[in-house]
């Protein structure tokens, strides 16, 4: 099933991921730099959620920690772009 078991929260996460993907493709096609902070925020939030869910699993703790640190980097880049360039 596309929504990972039919959970309502997972459906919204997939929809949010699709919106972030469409924004990033639209930004690439139009060469629009103003969408980049929103794409970074969105991907950072999605990676943070993935990292927290992987961290809860006992076998995948290292992968969860890597996801969380990657999301913090993406979120900090997004904040930096909003503060200094927009």
C-alpha atoms as a PDB file:
ATOM      1  CA  UNK A   1       0.000   0.000   0.000  1.00  0.00           C
ATOM      2  CA  UNK A   2       1.346   3.406  -0.919  1.00  0.00           C
ATOM      3  CA  UNK A   3       0.512   4.975   2.436  1.00  0.00           C
ATOM      4  CA  UNK A   4       2.531   2.507   4.557  1.00  0.00           C
ATOM      5  CA  UNK A   5      -0.196   0.592   6.327  1.00  0.00           C
ATOM      6  CA  UNK A   6      -3.052   3.046   6.005  1.00  0.00           C
ATOM      7  CA  UNK A   7      -2.248   5.197   9.028  1.00  0.00           C
ATOM      8  CA  UNK A   8      -3.754   8.670   8.693  1.00  0.00           C
ATOM      9  CA  UNK A   9      -0.545  10.428   9.805  1.00  0.00           C
ATOM     10  CA  UNK A  10       1.454   8.529   7.200  1.00  0.00           C
ATOM     11  CA  UNK A  11      -0.969   9.675   4.502  1.00  0.00           C
ATOM     12  CA  UNK A  12      -0.312  13.284   5.432  1.00  0.00           C
ATOM     13  CA  UNK A  13       3.443  12.688   5.490  1.00  0.00           C
ATOM     14  CA  UNK A  14       3.319  11.228   1.980  1.00  0.00           C
ATOM     15  CA  UNK A  15       1.252  14.201   0.816  1.00  0.00           C
ATOM     16  CA  UNK A  16       3.756  16.589   2.423  1.00  0.00           C
ATOM     17  CA  UNK A  17       6.614  14.732   0.719  1.00  0.00           C
ATOM     18  CA  UNK A  18       4.858  15.043  -2.635  1.00  0.00           C
ATOM     19  CA  UNK A  19       4.382  18.787  -2.115  1.00  0.00           C
ATOM     20  CA  UNK A  20       8.074  19.222  -1.254  1.00  0.00           C
ATOM     21  CA  UNK A  21       9.052  17.198  -4.328  1.00  0.00           C
ATOM     22  CA  UNK A  22       6.806  19.248  -6.610  1.00  0.00           C
ATOM     23  CA  UNK A  23       8.203  22.481  -5.153  1.00  0.00           C
ATOM     24  CA  UNK A  24      11.770  21.327  -5.733  1.00  0.00           C
ATOM     25  CA  UNK A  25      11.061  20.264  -9.332  1.00  0.00           C
ATOM     26  CA  UNK A  26       9.233  23.532 -10.011  1.00  0.00           C
ATOM     27  CA  UNK A  27      12.163  25.466  -8.571  1.00  0.00           C
ATOM     28  CA  UNK A  28      14.591  23.538 -10.757  1.00  0.00           C
ATOM     29  CA  UNK A  29      12.551  23.983 -13.925  1.00  0.00           C
ATOM     30  CA  UNK A  30      11.983  27.702 -13.447  1.00  0.00           C
ATOM     31  CA  UNK A  31      15.438  28.394 -11.966  1.00  0.00           C
ATOM     32  CA  UNK A  32      13.709  30.074  -9.023  1.00  0.00           C
ATOM     33  CA  UNK A  33      15.927  30.511  -5.959  1.00  0.00           C
ATOM     34  CA  UNK A  34      13.170  31.782  -3.677  1.00  0.00           C
ATOM     35  CA  UNK A  35      11.697  28.276  -3.322  1.00  0.00           C
ATOM     36  CA  UNK A  36      14.943  26.826  -1.966  1.00  0.00           C
ATOM     37  CA  UNK A  37      14.359  27.700   1.732  1.00  0.00           C
ATOM     38  CA  UNK A  38      10.918  26.091   1.622  1.00  0.00           C
ATOM     39  CA  UNK A  39      12.324  22.950   0.022  1.00  0.00           C
ATOM     40  CA  UNK A  40      15.066  22.818   2.656  1.00  0.00           C
ATOM     41  CA  UNK A  41      12.545  23.250   5.480  1.00  0.00           C
ATOM     42  CA  UNK A  42      10.302  20.567   4.013  1.00  0.00           C
ATOM     43  CA  UNK A  43      13.061  18.064   3.430  1.00  0.00           C
ATOM     44  CA  UNK A  44      14.499  18.801   6.870  1.00  0.00           C
ATOM     45  CA  UNK A  45      11.157  18.129   8.530  1.00  0.00           C
ATOM     46  CA  UNK A  46      10.652  14.910   6.557  1.00  0.00           C
ATOM     47  CA  UNK A  47      14.153  13.701   7.359  1.00  0.00           C
ATOM     48  CA  UNK A  48      13.656  14.552  11.037  1.00  0.00           C
ATOM     49  CA  UNK A  49      10.442  12.524  11.162  1.00  0.00           C
ATOM     50  CA  UNK A  50      12.160   9.621   9.402  1.00  0.00           C
ATOM     51  CA  UNK A  51      15.086   9.813  11.803  1.00  0.00           C
ATOM     52  CA  UNK A  52      12.867   9.769  14.866  1.00  0.00           C
ATOM     53  CA  UNK A  53      10.935   6.769  13.549  1.00  0.00           C
ATOM     54  CA  UNK A  54      14.177   4.921  12.743  1.00  0.00           C
ATOM     55  CA  UNK A  55      15.587   5.810  16.159  1.00  0.00           C
ATOM     56  CA  UNK A  56      12.639   4.089  17.824  1.00  0.00           C
ATOM     57  CA  UNK A  57      13.566   0.801  16.134  1.00  0.00           C
ATOM     58  CA  UNK A  58      16.199  -1.093  18.056  1.00  0.00           C
ATOM     59  CA  UNK A  59      18.152  -2.313  15.004  1.00  0.00           C
ATOM     60  CA  UNK A  60      18.305   1.003  13.150  1.00  0.00           C
ATOM     61  CA  UNK A  61      19.496   3.454  15.806  1.00  0.00           C
ATOM     62  CA  UNK A  62      22.605   4.540  13.887  1.00  0.00           C
ATOM     63  CA  UNK A  63      20.573   5.292  10.783  1.00  0.00           C
ATOM     64  CA  UNK A  64      18.120   7.301  12.875  1.00  0.00           C
ATOM     65  CA  UNK A  65      20.908   9.399  14.362  1.00  0.00           C
ATOM     66  CA  UNK A  66      22.313  10.068  10.881  1.00  0.00           C
ATOM     67  CA  UNK A  67      18.853  11.116   9.646  1.00  0.00           C
ATOM     68  CA  UNK A  68      18.390  13.476  12.593  1.00  0.00           C
ATOM     69  CA  UNK A  69      21.761  15.179  12.069  1.00  0.00           C
ATOM     70  CA  UNK A  70      21.091  15.452   8.324  1.00  0.00           C
ATOM     71  CA  UNK A  71      17.734  17.077   9.015  1.00  0.00           C
ATOM     72  CA  UNK A  72      19.319  19.563  11.411  1.00  0.00           C
ATOM     73  CA  UNK A  73      21.816  20.553   8.705  1.00  0.00           C
ATOM     74  CA  UNK A  74      19.029  21.045   6.146  1.00  0.00           C
ATOM     75  CA  UNK A  75      16.953  23.071   8.602  1.00  0.00           C
ATOM     76  CA  UNK A  76      19.922  25.268   9.514  1.00  0.00           C
ATOM     77  CA  UNK A  77      20.628  25.926   5.820  1.00  0.00           C
ATOM     78  CA  UNK A  78      16.995  26.880   5.329  1.00  0.00           C
ATOM     79  CA  UNK A  79      17.094  29.267   8.285  1.00  0.00           C
ATOM     80  CA  UNK A  80      20.355  30.750   7.001  1.00  0.00           C
ATOM     81  CA  UNK A  81      18.843  31.361   3.568  1.00  0.00           C
ATOM     82  CA  UNK A  82      15.733  32.967   5.020  1.00  0.00           C
ATOM     83  CA  UNK A  83      17.649  35.267   7.367  1.00  0.00           C
ATOM     84  CA  UNK A  84      20.469  36.386   5.088  1.00  0.00           C
ATOM     85  CA  UNK A  85      19.238  36.110   1.501  1.00  0.00           C
ATOM     86  CA  UNK A  86      15.472  36.585   1.374  1.00  0.00           C
END
